[in-house]
Amino acid sequence: MNELTRIEGCGMDYAVRQIGDSWSLLIVWAALQGTTRFDNFQSGLGVARNILSNRLAKLVDEGILVKRPVQSGARRLEYRVTGKGEALRPALELIKGWGEGASVKSASVTGAASYNSVRH
């Protein structure tokens, strides 16, 4: 069996299982940029509330985000990046840089709209 077919249990397998999808990547990126409240994630990303709720819960379960009251005894909650989540910053910055370069190249070559202007 060659290296490519042995993905199960490798670092990439673990990372994908932790993060899982593009919404989760975007949520983590937004949290790394300072977004903390559910409504701010929802309005900033344009993600459906049920999807956002599910992804936030998974990210909390995986230890990437932590959920806590805004202040002691408050009902409003906020989400903060944990050390495990902060460790994703360099990888997400690389992905962002790749996306910026790819979207500019794609737009100039094909005349297509930038990836950043497309709603997910």
PDB file of N, CA and C in Angstrom:
ATOM      1  N   MET A   1       0.846  -1.172   0.000  1.00  0.00           N
ATOM      2  CA  MET A   1       0.000   0.000   0.000  1.00  0.00           C
ATOM      3  C   MET A   1       0.893   1.238   0.000  1.00  0.00           C
ATOM      4  N   ASN A   2       0.669   2.157  -0.931  1.00  0.00           N
ATOM      5  CA  ASN A   2       1.517   3.343  -0.968  1.00  0.00           C
ATOM      6  C   ASN A   2       1.016   4.404   0.010  1.00  0.00           C
ATOM      7  N   GLU A   3       1.797   5.462   0.172  1.00  0.00           N
ATOM      8  CA  GLU A   3       1.506   6.510   1.151  1.00  0.00           C
ATOM      9  C   GLU A   3       0.154   7.183   0.911  1.00  0.00           C
ATOM     10  N   LEU A   4      -0.207   7.411  -0.322  1.00  0.00           N
ATOM     11  CA  LEU A   4      -1.442   8.111  -0.650  1.00  0.00           C
ATOM     12  C   LEU A   4      -2.678   7.329  -0.221  1.00  0.00           C
ATOM     13  N   THR A   5      -2.644   6.021  -0.300  1.00  0.00           N
ATOM     14  CA  THR A   5      -3.818   5.234   0.052  1.00  0.00           C
ATOM     15  C   THR A   5      -3.963   5.037   1.558  1.00  0.00           C
ATOM     16  N   ARG A   6      -2.973   5.457   2.339  1.00  0.00           N
ATOM     17  CA  ARG A   6      -3.019   5.287   3.788  1.00  0.00           C
ATOM     18  C   ARG A   6      -3.375   6.603   4.479  1.00  0.00           C
ATOM     19  N   ILE A   7      -4.454   7.224   4.051  1.00  0.00           N
ATOM     20  CA  ILE A   7      -4.846   8.521   4.592  1.00  0.00           C
ATOM     21  C   ILE A   7      -5.509   8.366   5.960  1.00  0.00           C
ATOM     22  N   GLU A   8      -6.277   7.316   6.144  1.00  0.00           N
ATOM     23  CA  GLU A   8      -6.966   7.129   7.416  1.00  0.00           C
ATOM     24  C   GLU A   8      -5.950   7.104   8.557  1.00  0.00           C
ATOM     25  N   GLY A   9      -6.171   7.951   9.546  1.00  0.00           N
ATOM     26  CA  GLY A   9      -5.298   8.018  10.698  1.00  0.00           C
ATOM     27  C   GLY A   9      -4.124   8.965  10.558  1.00  0.00           C
ATOM     28  N   CYS A  10      -3.927   9.558   9.382  1.00  0.00           N
ATOM     29  CA  CYS A  10      -2.818  10.496   9.211  1.00  0.00           C
ATOM     30  C   CYS A  10      -3.248  11.893   9.662  1.00  0.00           C
ATOM     31  N   GLY A  11      -2.344  12.824   9.653  1.00  0.00           N
ATOM     32  CA  GLY A  11      -2.626  14.188  10.091  1.00  0.00           C
ATOM     33  C   GLY A  11      -3.723  14.864   9.284  1.00  0.00           C
ATOM     34  N   MET A  12      -3.753  14.644   7.991  1.00  0.00           N
ATOM     35  CA  MET A  12      -4.792  15.254   7.147  1.00  0.00           C
ATOM     36  C   MET A  12      -6.157  14.699   7.515  1.00  0.00           C
ATOM     37  N   ASP A  13      -6.231  13.398   7.744  1.00  0.00           N
ATOM     38  CA  ASP A  13      -7.480  12.760   8.156  1.00  0.00           C
ATOM     39  C   ASP A  13      -7.986  13.380   9.462  1.00  0.00           C
ATOM     40  N   TYR A  14      -7.092  13.527  10.416  1.00  0.00           N
ATOM     41  CA  TYR A  14      -7.456  14.116  11.710  1.00  0.00           C
ATOM     42  C   TYR A  14      -7.953  15.550  11.530  1.00  0.00           C
ATOM     43  N   ALA A  15      -7.231  16.347  10.760  1.00  0.00           N
ATOM     44  CA  ALA A  15      -7.593  17.752  10.563  1.00  0.00           C
ATOM     45  C   ALA A  15      -8.960  17.893   9.908  1.00  0.00           C
ATOM     46  N   VAL A  16      -9.210  17.116   8.869  1.00  0.00           N
ATOM     47  CA  VAL A  16     -10.496  17.195   8.176  1.00  0.00           C
ATOM     48  C   VAL A  16     -11.637  16.759   9.093  1.00  0.00           C
ATOM     49  N   ARG A  17     -11.414  15.757   9.902  1.00  0.00           N
ATOM     50  CA  ARG A  17     -12.449  15.310  10.830  1.00  0.00           C
ATOM     51  C   ARG A  17     -12.720  16.357  11.918  1.00  0.00           C
ATOM     52  N   GLN A  18     -11.715  17.110  12.307  1.00  0.00           N
ATOM     53  CA  GLN A  18     -11.885  18.152  13.319  1.00  0.00           C
ATOM     54  C   GLN A  18     -12.633  19.353  12.751  1.00  0.00           C
ATOM     55  N   ILE A  19     -12.254  19.778  11.570  1.00  0.00           N
ATOM     56  CA  ILE A  19     -12.801  20.998  10.985  1.00  0.00           C
ATOM     57  C   ILE A  19     -13.977  20.682  10.081  1.00  0.00           C
ATOM     58  N   GLY A  20     -13.814  19.758   9.177  1.00  0.00           N
ATOM     59  CA  GLY A  20     -14.917  19.170   8.455  1.00  0.00           C
ATOM     60  C   GLY A  20     -15.442  19.822   7.200  1.00  0.00           C
ATOM     61  N   ASP A  21     -15.567  21.116   7.141  1.00  0.00           N
ATOM     62  CA  ASP A  21     -16.202  21.720   5.975  1.00  0.00           C
ATOM     63  C   ASP A  21     -15.831  23.194   5.867  1.00  0.00           C
ATOM     64  N   SER A  22     -16.228  23.800   4.753  1.00  0.00           N
ATOM     65  CA  SER A  22     -15.852  25.194   4.526  1.00  0.00           C
ATOM     66  C   SER A  22     -16.471  26.146   5.540  1.00  0.00           C
ATOM     67  N   TRP A  23     -17.710  25.886   5.976  1.00  0.00           N
ATOM     68  CA  TRP A  23     -18.304  26.777   6.980  1.00  0.00           C
ATOM     69  C   TRP A  23     -17.475  26.777   8.254  1.00  0.00           C
ATOM     70  N   SER A  24     -17.002  25.625   8.662  1.00  0.00           N
ATOM     71  CA  SER A  24     -16.199  25.557   9.885  1.00  0.00           C
ATOM     72  C   SER A  24     -14.900  26.335   9.727  1.00  0.00           C
ATOM     73  N   LEU A  25     -14.263  26.220   8.565  1.00  0.00           N
ATOM     74  CA  LEU A  25     -13.046  26.997   8.316  1.00  0.00           C
ATOM     75  C   LEU A  25     -13.335  28.488   8.392  1.00  0.00           C
ATOM     76  N   LEU A  26     -14.432  28.901   7.787  1.00  0.00           N
ATOM     77  CA  LEU A  26     -14.791  30.322   7.801  1.00  0.00           C
ATOM     78  C   LEU A  26     -15.147  30.797   9.207  1.00  0.00           C
ATOM     79  N   ILE A  27     -15.797  29.967   9.985  1.00  0.00           N
ATOM     80  CA  ILE A  27     -16.132  30.314  11.369  1.00  0.00           C
ATOM     81  C   ILE A  27     -14.855  30.478  12.188  1.00  0.00           C
ATOM     82  N   VAL A  28     -13.934  29.536  12.060  1.00  0.00           N
ATOM     83  CA  VAL A  28     -12.671  29.633  12.798  1.00  0.00           C
ATOM     84  C   VAL A  28     -11.917  30.885  12.358  1.00  0.00           C
ATOM     85  N   TRP A  29     -11.881  31.148  11.065  1.00  0.00           N
ATOM     86  CA  TRP A  29     -11.191  32.343  10.573  1.00  0.00           C
ATOM     87  C   TRP A  29     -11.829  33.604  11.162  1.00  0.00           C
ATOM     88  N   ALA A  30     -13.145  33.670  11.157  1.00  0.00           N
ATOM     89  CA  ALA A  30     -13.844  34.833  11.729  1.00  0.00           C
ATOM     90  C   ALA A  30     -13.523  34.969  13.216  1.00  0.00           C
ATOM     91  N   ALA A  31     -13.494  33.861  13.936  1.00  0.00           N
ATOM     92  CA  ALA A  31     -13.172  33.895  15.365  1.00  0.00           C
ATOM     93  C   ALA A  31     -11.735  34.378  15.577  1.00  0.00           C
ATOM     94  N   LEU A  32     -10.826  33.953  14.720  1.00  0.00           N
ATOM     95  CA  LEU A  32      -9.438  34.411  14.819  1.00  0.00           C
ATOM     96  C   LEU A  32      -9.326  35.910  14.532  1.00  0.00           C
ATOM     97  N   GLN A  33     -10.277  36.449  13.774  1.00  0.00           N
ATOM     98  CA  GLN A  33     -10.279  37.880  13.469  1.00  0.00           C
ATOM     99  C   GLN A  33     -11.024  38.697  14.531  1.00  0.00           C
ATOM    100  N   GLY A  34     -11.594  38.014  15.542  1.00  0.00           N
ATOM    101  CA  GLY A  34     -12.219  38.724  16.649  1.00  0.00           C
ATOM    102  C   GLY A  34     -13.722  38.575  16.786  1.00  0.00           C
ATOM    103  N   THR A  35     -14.354  37.864  15.874  1.00  0.00           N
ATOM    104  CA  THR A  35     -15.795  37.636  15.999  1.00  0.00           C
ATOM    105  C   THR A  35     -16.047  36.689  17.166  1.00  0.00           C
ATOM    106  N   THR A  36     -17.010  37.025  18.033  1.00  0.00           N
ATOM    107  CA  THR A  36     -17.269  36.199  19.206  1.00  0.00           C
ATOM    108  C   THR A  36     -18.738  35.831  19.388  1.00  0.00           C
ATOM    109  N   ARG A  37     -19.651  36.591  18.819  1.00  0.00           N
ATOM    110  CA  ARG A  37     -21.080  36.378  19.092  1.00  0.00           C
ATOM    111  C   ARG A  37     -21.782  35.706  17.919  1.00  0.00           C
ATOM    112  N   PHE A  38     -22.755  34.866  18.261  1.00  0.00           N
ATOM    113  CA  PHE A  38     -23.504  34.097  17.268  1.00  0.00           C
ATOM    114  C   PHE A  38     -24.047  35.009  16.163  1.00  0.00           C
ATOM    115  N   ASP A  39     -24.740  36.080  16.546  1.00  0.00           N
ATOM    116  CA  ASP A  39     -25.351  36.964  15.546  1.00  0.00           C
ATOM    117  C   ASP A  39     -24.317  37.600  14.630  1.00  0.00           C
ATOM    118  N   ASN A  40     -23.131  37.886  15.159  1.00  0.00           N
ATOM    119  CA  ASN A  40     -22.075  38.460  14.325  1.00  0.00           C
ATOM    120  C   ASN A  40     -21.513  37.436  13.339  1.00  0.00           C
ATOM    121  N   PHE A  41     -21.362  36.196  13.796  1.00  0.00           N
ATOM    122  CA  PHE A  41     -20.955  35.134  12.869  1.00  0.00           C
ATOM    123  C   PHE A  41     -21.997  35.006  11.765  1.00  0.00           C
ATOM    124  N   GLN A  42     -23.261  34.955  12.161  1.00  0.00           N
ATOM    125  CA  GLN A  42     -24.351  34.725  11.216  1.00  0.00           C
ATOM    126  C   GLN A  42     -24.433  35.844  10.179  1.00  0.00           C
ATOM    127  N   SER A  43     -24.412  37.081  10.616  1.00  0.00           N
ATOM    128  CA  SER A  43     -24.533  38.184   9.667  1.00  0.00           C
ATOM    129  C   SER A  43     -23.268  38.355   8.830  1.00  0.00           C
ATOM    130  N   GLY A  44     -22.108  38.139   9.432  1.00  0.00           N
ATOM    131  CA  GLY A  44     -20.859  38.302   8.697  1.00  0.00           C
ATOM    132  C   GLY A  44     -20.611  37.235   7.655  1.00  0.00           C
ATOM    133  N   LEU A  45     -21.032  36.019   7.956  1.00  0.00           N
ATOM    134  CA  LEU A  45     -20.791  34.906   7.037  1.00  0.00           C
ATOM    135  C   LEU A  45     -21.966  34.627   6.115  1.00  0.00           C
ATOM    136  N   GLY A  46     -23.160  35.040   6.521  1.00  0.00           N
ATOM    137  CA  GLY A  46     -24.343  34.760   5.714  1.00  0.00           C
ATOM    138  C   GLY A  46     -24.750  33.298   5.764  1.00  0.00           C
ATOM    139  N   VAL A  47     -24.391  32.614   6.824  1.00  0.00           N
ATOM    140  CA  VAL A  47     -24.700  31.196   6.980  1.00  0.00           C
ATOM    141  C   VAL A  47     -26.050  31.051   7.690  1.00  0.00           C
ATOM    142  N   ALA A  48     -26.798  30.026   7.330  1.00  0.00           N
ATOM    143  CA  ALA A  48     -28.080  29.766   7.983  1.00  0.00           C
ATOM    144  C   ALA A  48     -27.858  29.498   9.469  1.00  0.00           C
ATOM    145  N   ARG A  49     -28.778  29.942  10.287  1.00  0.00           N
ATOM    146  CA  ARG A  49     -28.647  29.831  11.738  1.00  0.00           C
ATOM    147  C   ARG A  49     -28.489  28.377  12.195  1.00  0.00           C
ATOM    148  N   ASN A  50     -29.243  27.450  11.601  1.00  0.00           N
ATOM    149  CA  ASN A  50     -29.141  26.049  12.029  1.00  0.00           C
ATOM    150  C   ASN A  50     -27.773  25.456  11.684  1.00  0.00           C
ATOM    151  N   ILE A  51     -27.241  25.810  10.535  1.00  0.00           N
ATOM    152  CA  ILE A  51     -25.913  25.325  10.148  1.00  0.00           C
ATOM    153  C   ILE A  51     -24.861  25.929  11.072  1.00  0.00           C
ATOM    154  N   LEU A  52     -24.969  27.224  11.337  1.00  0.00           N
ATOM    155  CA  LEU A  52     -24.030  27.886  12.231  1.00  0.00           C
ATOM    156  C   LEU A  52     -24.060  27.261  13.621  1.00  0.00           C
ATOM    157  N   SER A  53     -25.249  27.023  14.131  1.00  0.00           N
ATOM    158  CA  SER A  53     -25.385  26.416  15.450  1.00  0.00           C
ATOM    159  C   SER A  53     -24.710  25.050  15.500  1.00  0.00           C
ATOM    160  N   ASN A  54     -24.935  24.240  14.476  1.00  0.00           N
ATOM    161  CA  ASN A  54     -24.321  22.902  14.414  1.00  0.00           C
ATOM    162  C   ASN A  54     -22.799  22.990  14.328  1.00  0.00           C
ATOM    163  N   ARG A  55     -22.290  23.875  13.476  1.00  0.00           N
ATOM    164  CA  ARG A  55     -20.843  23.984  13.304  1.00  0.00           C
ATOM    165  C   ARG A  55     -20.175  24.529  14.566  1.00  0.00           C
ATOM    166  N   LEU A  56     -20.787  25.526  15.213  1.00  0.00           N
ATOM    167  CA  LEU A  56     -20.220  26.050  16.455  1.00  0.00           C
ATOM    168  C   LEU A  56     -20.167  24.959  17.524  1.00  0.00           C
ATOM    169  N   ALA A  57     -21.236  24.182  17.632  1.00  0.00           N
ATOM    170  CA  ALA A  57     -21.257  23.100  18.623  1.00  0.00           C
ATOM    171  C   ALA A  57     -20.149  22.090  18.344  1.00  0.00           C
ATOM    172  N   LYS A  58     -19.945  21.746  17.081  1.00  0.00           N
ATOM    173  CA  LYS A  58     -18.878  20.792  16.728  1.00  0.00           C
ATOM    174  C   LYS A  58     -17.505  21.372  17.053  1.00  0.00           C
ATOM    175  N   LEU A  59     -17.292  22.643  16.736  1.00  0.00           N
ATOM    176  CA  LEU A  59     -16.005  23.274  17.013  1.00  0.00           C
ATOM    177  C   LEU A  59     -15.740  23.360  18.518  1.00  0.00           C
ATOM    178  N   VAL A  60     -16.790  23.556  19.305  1.00  0.00           N
ATOM    179  CA  VAL A  60     -16.649  23.540  20.766  1.00  0.00           C
ATOM    180  C   VAL A  60     -16.332  22.122  21.229  1.00  0.00           C
ATOM    181  N   ASP A  61     -17.070  21.145  20.709  1.00  0.00           N
ATOM    182  CA  ASP A  61     -16.826  19.736  21.080  1.00  0.00           C
ATOM    183  C   ASP A  61     -15.396  19.307  20.749  1.00  0.00           C
ATOM    184  N   GLU A  62     -14.850  19.816  19.661  1.00  0.00           N
ATOM    185  CA  GLU A  62     -13.503  19.449  19.229  1.00  0.00           C
ATOM    186  C   GLU A  62     -12.421  20.242  19.961  1.00  0.00           C
ATOM    187  N   GLY A  63     -12.831  21.223  20.776  1.00  0.00           N
ATOM    188  CA  GLY A  63     -11.866  22.001  21.537  1.00  0.00           C
ATOM    189  C   GLY A  63     -11.191  23.110  20.753  1.00  0.00           C
ATOM    190  N   ILE A  64     -11.760  23.474  19.619  1.00  0.00           N
ATOM    191  CA  ILE A  64     -11.206  24.543  18.790  1.00  0.00           C
ATOM    192  C   ILE A  64     -11.731  25.902  19.258  1.00  0.00           C
ATOM    193  N   LEU A  65     -12.987  25.917  19.685  1.00  0.00           N
ATOM    194  CA  LEU A  65     -13.602  27.097  20.286  1.00  0.00           C
ATOM    195  C   LEU A  65     -14.098  26.723  21.672  1.00  0.00           C
ATOM    196  N   VAL A  66     -14.269  27.725  22.506  1.00  0.00           N
ATOM    197  CA  VAL A  66     -14.888  27.534  23.814  1.00  0.00           C
ATOM    198  C   VAL A  66     -16.070  28.489  23.884  1.00  0.00           C
ATOM    199  N   LYS A  67     -17.155  28.028  24.493  1.00  0.00           N
ATOM    200  CA  LYS A  67     -18.371  28.839  24.638  1.00  0.00           C
ATOM    201  C   LYS A  67     -18.479  29.242  26.103  1.00  0.00           C
ATOM    202  N   ARG A  68     -18.733  30.529  26.332  1.00  0.00           N
ATOM    203  CA  ARG A  68     -18.862  30.984  27.716  1.00  0.00           C
ATOM    204  C   ARG A  68     -19.775  32.210  27.776  1.00  0.00           C
ATOM    205  N   PRO A  69     -20.311  32.516  28.967  1.00  0.00           N
ATOM    206  CA  PRO A  69     -21.145  33.713  29.115  1.00  0.00           C
ATOM    207  C   PRO A  69     -20.306  34.971  28.850  1.00  0.00           C
ATOM    208  N   VAL A  70     -20.940  35.998  28.295  1.00  0.00           N
ATOM    209  CA  VAL A  70     -20.260  37.256  28.024  1.00  0.00           C
ATOM    210  C   VAL A  70     -19.706  37.835  29.321  1.00  0.00           C
ATOM    211  N   GLN A  71     -20.498  37.760  30.392  1.00  0.00           N
ATOM    212  CA  GLN A  71     -20.045  38.151  31.721  1.00  0.00           C
ATOM    213  C   GLN A  71     -20.686  37.218  32.730  1.00  0.00           C
ATOM    214  N   SER A  72     -20.176  37.197  33.901  1.00  0.00           N
ATOM    215  CA  SER A  72     -20.662  36.273  34.926  1.00  0.00           C
ATOM    216  C   SER A  72     -22.180  36.384  35.096  1.00  0.00           C
ATOM    217  N   GLY A  73     -22.861  35.259  34.982  1.00  0.00           N
ATOM    218  CA  GLY A  73     -24.304  35.210  35.158  1.00  0.00           C
ATOM    219  C   GLY A  73     -25.118  35.662  33.957  1.00  0.00           C
ATOM    220  N   ALA A  74     -24.469  36.120  32.903  1.00  0.00           N
ATOM    221  CA  ALA A  74     -25.188  36.600  31.719  1.00  0.00           C
ATOM    222  C   ALA A  74     -25.737  35.430  30.909  1.00  0.00           C
ATOM    223  N   ARG A  75     -26.841  35.672  30.224  1.00  0.00           N
ATOM    224  CA  ARG A  75     -27.427  34.642  29.352  1.00  0.00           C
ATOM    225  C   ARG A  75     -26.792  34.653  27.968  1.00  0.00           C
ATOM    226  N   ARG A  76     -26.291  35.809  27.552  1.00  0.00           N
ATOM    227  CA  ARG A  76     -25.648  35.898  26.233  1.00  0.00           C
ATOM    228  C   ARG A  76     -24.299  35.182  26.275  1.00  0.00           C
ATOM    229  N   LEU A  77     -24.024  34.465  25.201  1.00  0.00           N
ATOM    230  CA  LEU A  77     -22.791  33.680  25.128  1.00  0.00           C
ATOM    231  C   LEU A  77     -21.856  34.244  24.075  1.00  0.00           C
ATOM    232  N   GLU A  78     -20.599  33.921  24.219  1.00  0.00           N
ATOM    233  CA  GLU A  78     -19.612  34.249  23.207  1.00  0.00           C
ATOM    234  C   GLU A  78     -18.743  33.028  22.957  1.00  0.00           C
ATOM    235  N   TYR A  79     -18.116  33.028  21.805  1.00  0.00           N
ATOM    236  CA  TYR A  79     -17.222  31.947  21.418  1.00  0.00           C
ATOM    237  C   TYR A  79     -15.825  32.526  21.303  1.00  0.00           C
ATOM    238  N   ARG A  80     -14.874  31.839  21.903  1.00  0.00           N
ATOM    239  CA  ARG A  80     -13.476  32.276  21.864  1.00  0.00           C
ATOM    240  C   ARG A  80     -12.614  31.136  21.338  1.00  0.00           C
ATOM    241  N   VAL A  81     -11.558  31.510  20.648  1.00  0.00           N
ATOM    242  CA  VAL A  81     -10.608  30.544  20.106  1.00  0.00           C
ATOM    243  C   VAL A  81      -9.757  29.999  21.251  1.00  0.00           C
ATOM    244  N   THR A  82      -9.588  28.690  21.275  1.00  0.00           N
ATOM    245  CA  THR A  82      -8.707  28.041  22.254  1.00  0.00           C
ATOM    246  C   THR A  82      -7.282  28.005  21.687  1.00  0.00           C
ATOM    247  N   GLY A  83      -6.363  27.486  22.463  1.00  0.00           N
ATOM    248  CA  GLY A  83      -5.000  27.297  21.971  1.00  0.00           C
ATOM    249  C   GLY A  83      -4.979  26.384  20.755  1.00  0.00           C
ATOM    250  N   LYS A  84      -5.806  25.352  20.792  1.00  0.00           N
ATOM    251  CA  LYS A  84      -5.900  24.423  19.657  1.00  0.00           C
ATOM    252  C   LYS A  84      -6.402  25.162  18.415  1.00  0.00           C
ATOM    253  N   GLY A  85      -7.369  26.050  18.599  1.00  0.00           N
ATOM    254  CA  GLY A  85      -7.881  26.843  17.480  1.00  0.00           C
ATOM    255  C   GLY A  85      -6.853  27.841  16.979  1.00  0.00           C
ATOM    256  N   GLU A  86      -6.145  28.466  17.898  1.00  0.00           N
ATOM    257  CA  GLU A  86      -5.113  29.444  17.530  1.00  0.00           C
ATOM    258  C   GLU A  86      -4.009  28.771  16.709  1.00  0.00           C
ATOM    259  N   ALA A  87      -3.756  27.521  16.980  1.00  0.00           N
ATOM    260  CA  ALA A  87      -2.730  26.789  16.227  1.00  0.00           C
ATOM    261  C   ALA A  87      -3.100  26.634  14.750  1.00  0.00           C
ATOM    262  N   LEU A  88      -4.366  26.846  14.414  1.00  0.00           N
ATOM    263  CA  LEU A  88      -4.804  26.778  13.018  1.00  0.00           C
ATOM    264  C   LEU A  88      -4.478  28.054  12.232  1.00  0.00           C
ATOM    265  N   ARG A  89      -4.156  29.135  12.936  1.00  0.00           N
ATOM    266  CA  ARG A  89      -3.949  30.429  12.273  1.00  0.00           C
ATOM    267  C   ARG A  89      -2.957  30.360  11.104  1.00  0.00           C
ATOM    268  N   PRO A  90      -1.755  29.807  11.287  1.00  0.00           N
ATOM    269  CA  PRO A  90      -0.805  29.790  10.156  1.00  0.00           C
ATOM    270  C   PRO A  90      -1.348  29.038   8.937  1.00  0.00           C
ATOM    271  N   ALA A  91      -2.013  27.924   9.166  1.00  0.00           N
ATOM    272  CA  ALA A  91      -2.557  27.157   8.042  1.00  0.00           C
ATOM    273  C   ALA A  91      -3.667  27.936   7.345  1.00  0.00           C
ATOM    274  N   LEU A  92      -4.529  28.590   8.115  1.00  0.00           N
ATOM    275  CA  LEU A  92      -5.623  29.355   7.516  1.00  0.00           C
ATOM    276  C   LEU A  92      -5.104  30.591   6.786  1.00  0.00           C
ATOM    277  N   GLU A  93      -4.029  31.192   7.294  1.00  0.00           N
ATOM    278  CA  GLU A  93      -3.420  32.317   6.580  1.00  0.00           C
ATOM    279  C   GLU A  93      -2.851  31.865   5.241  1.00  0.00           C
ATOM    280  N   LEU A  94      -2.254  30.674   5.208  1.00  0.00           N
ATOM    281  CA  LEU A  94      -1.749  30.134   3.942  1.00  0.00           C
ATOM    282  C   LEU A  94      -2.891  29.860   2.968  1.00  0.00           C
ATOM    283  N   ILE A  95      -3.978  29.282   3.464  1.00  0.00           N
ATOM    284  CA  ILE A  95      -5.141  29.016   2.609  1.00  0.00           C
ATOM    285  C   ILE A  95      -5.711  30.327   2.081  1.00  0.00           C
ATOM    286  N   LYS A  96      -5.818  31.321   2.945  1.00  0.00           N
ATOM    287  CA  LYS A  96      -6.325  32.635   2.534  1.00  0.00           C
ATOM    288  C   LYS A  96      -5.437  33.230   1.443  1.00  0.00           C
ATOM    289  N   GLY A  97      -4.123  33.188   1.649  1.00  0.00           N
ATOM    290  CA  GLY A  97      -3.196  33.711   0.654  1.00  0.00           C
ATOM    291  C   GLY A  97      -3.310  32.993  -0.675  1.00  0.00           C
ATOM    292  N   TRP A  98      -3.447  31.677  -0.607  1.00  0.00           N
ATOM    293  CA  TRP A  98      -3.629  30.898  -1.832  1.00  0.00           C
ATOM    294  C   TRP A  98      -4.924  31.326  -2.523  1.00  0.00           C
ATOM    295  N   GLY A  99      -5.994  31.476  -1.749  1.00  0.00           N
ATOM    296  CA  GLY A  99      -7.279  31.886  -2.326  1.00  0.00           C
ATOM    297  C   GLY A  99      -7.227  33.259  -2.961  1.00  0.00           C
ATOM    298  N   GLU A 100      -6.524  34.182  -2.318  1.00  0.00           N
ATOM    299  CA  GLU A 100      -6.399  35.524  -2.889  1.00  0.00           C
ATOM    300  C   GLU A 100      -5.643  35.476  -4.213  1.00  0.00           C
ATOM    301  N   GLY A 101      -4.566  34.725  -4.261  1.00  0.00           N
ATOM    302  CA  GLY A 101      -3.804  34.606  -5.493  1.00  0.00           C
ATOM    303  C   GLY A 101      -4.575  33.884  -6.583  1.00  0.00           C
ATOM    304  N   ALA A 102      -5.261  32.819  -6.197  1.00  0.00           N
ATOM    305  CA  ALA A 102      -6.033  32.038  -7.172  1.00  0.00           C
ATOM    306  C   ALA A 102      -7.211  32.838  -7.706  1.00  0.00           C
ATOM    307  N   SER A 103      -7.868  33.622  -6.854  1.00  0.00           N
ATOM    308  CA  SER A 103      -9.030  34.371  -7.312  1.00  0.00           C
ATOM    309  C   SER A 103      -8.621  35.495  -8.251  1.00  0.00           C
ATOM    310  N   VAL A 104      -7.498  36.145  -7.989  1.00  0.00           N
ATOM    311  CA  VAL A 104      -7.014  37.204  -8.867  1.00  0.00           C
ATOM    312  C   VAL A 104      -6.609  36.616 -10.205  1.00  0.00           C
ATOM    313  N   LYS A 105      -5.880  35.498 -10.168  1.00  0.00           N
ATOM    314  CA  LYS A 105      -5.447  34.848 -11.406  1.00  0.00           C
ATOM    315  C   LYS A 105      -6.653  34.367 -12.205  1.00  0.00           C
ATOM    316  N   SER A 106      -7.615  33.756 -11.526  1.00  0.00           N
ATOM    317  CA  SER A 106      -8.810  33.249 -12.192  1.00  0.00           C
ATOM    318  C   SER A 106      -9.600  34.379 -12.838  1.00  0.00           C
ATOM    319  N   ALA A 107      -9.759  35.482 -12.132  1.00  0.00           N
ATOM    320  CA  ALA A 107     -10.521  36.612 -12.662  1.00  0.00           C
ATOM    321  C   ALA A 107      -9.823  37.233 -13.862  1.00  0.00           C
ATOM    322  N   SER A 108      -8.497  37.312 -13.808  1.00  0.00           N
ATOM    323  CA  SER A 108      -7.784  37.936 -14.914  1.00  0.00           C
ATOM    324  C   SER A 108      -7.713  37.019 -16.131  1.00  0.00           C
ATOM    325  N   VAL A 109      -7.659  35.721 -15.913  1.00  0.00           N
ATOM    326  CA  VAL A 109      -7.556  34.777 -17.021  1.00  0.00           C
ATOM    327  C   VAL A 109      -8.913  34.534 -17.670  1.00  0.00           C
ATOM    328  N   THR A 110      -9.942  34.342 -16.857  1.00  0.00           N
ATOM    329  CA  THR A 110     -11.243  33.956 -17.402  1.00  0.00           C
ATOM    330  C   THR A 110     -12.250  35.097 -17.429  1.00  0.00           C
ATOM    331  N   GLY A 111     -11.932  36.189 -16.758  1.00  0.00           N
ATOM    332  CA  GLY A 111     -12.895  37.277 -16.659  1.00  0.00           C
ATOM    333  C   GLY A 111     -13.985  36.970 -15.651  1.00  0.00           C
ATOM    334  N   ALA A 112     -13.801  35.888 -14.883  1.00  0.00           N
ATOM    335  CA  ALA A 112     -14.801  35.475 -13.895  1.00  0.00           C
ATOM    336  C   ALA A 112     -14.738  36.377 -12.679  1.00  0.00           C
ATOM    337  N   ALA A 113     -15.830  36.364 -11.910  1.00  0.00           N
ATOM    338  CA  ALA A 113     -15.886  37.125 -10.662  1.00  0.00           C
ATOM    339  C   ALA A 113     -14.910  36.531  -9.662  1.00  0.00           C
ATOM    340  N   SER A 114     -14.401  37.366  -8.802  1.00  0.00           N
ATOM    341  CA  SER A 114     -13.514  36.924  -7.737  1.00  0.00           C
ATOM    342  C   SER A 114     -14.236  35.962  -6.817  1.00  0.00           C
ATOM    343  N   TYR A 115     -13.512  34.990  -6.304  1.00  0.00           N
ATOM    344  CA  TYR A 115     -14.080  34.037  -5.342  1.00  0.00           C
ATOM    345  C   TYR A 115     -14.678  34.766  -4.153  1.00  0.00           C
ATOM    346  N   ASN A 116     -14.041  35.858  -3.745  1.00  0.00           N
ATOM    347  CA  ASN A 116     -14.517  36.607  -2.577  1.00  0.00           C
ATOM    348  C   ASN A 116     -15.878  37.240  -2.812  1.00  0.00           C
ATOM    349  N   SER A 117     -16.286  37.396  -4.062  1.00  0.00           N
ATOM    350  CA  SER A 117     -17.586  38.008  -4.327  1.00  0.00           C
ATOM    351  C   SER A 117     -18.691  36.973  -4.466  1.00  0.00           C
ATOM    352  N   VAL A 118     -18.344  35.700  -4.394  1.00  0.00           N
ATOM    353  CA  VAL A 118     -19.321  34.626  -4.531  1.00  0.00           C
ATOM    354  C   VAL A 118     -19.814  34.212  -3.159  1.00  0.00           C
ATOM    355  N   ARG A 119     -21.128  34.157  -2.975  1.00  0.00           N
ATOM    356  CA  ARG A 119     -21.732  33.725  -1.713  1.00  0.00           C
ATOM    357  C   ARG A 119     -21.648  32.215  -1.618  1.00  0.00           C
ATOM    358  N   HIS A 120     -21.326  31.708  -0.459  1.00  0.00           N
ATOM    359  CA  HIS A 120     -21.252  30.258  -0.224  1.00  0.00           C
ATOM    360  C   HIS A 120     -22.609  29.781   0.185  1.00  0.00           C
TER     361      HIS A 120
END
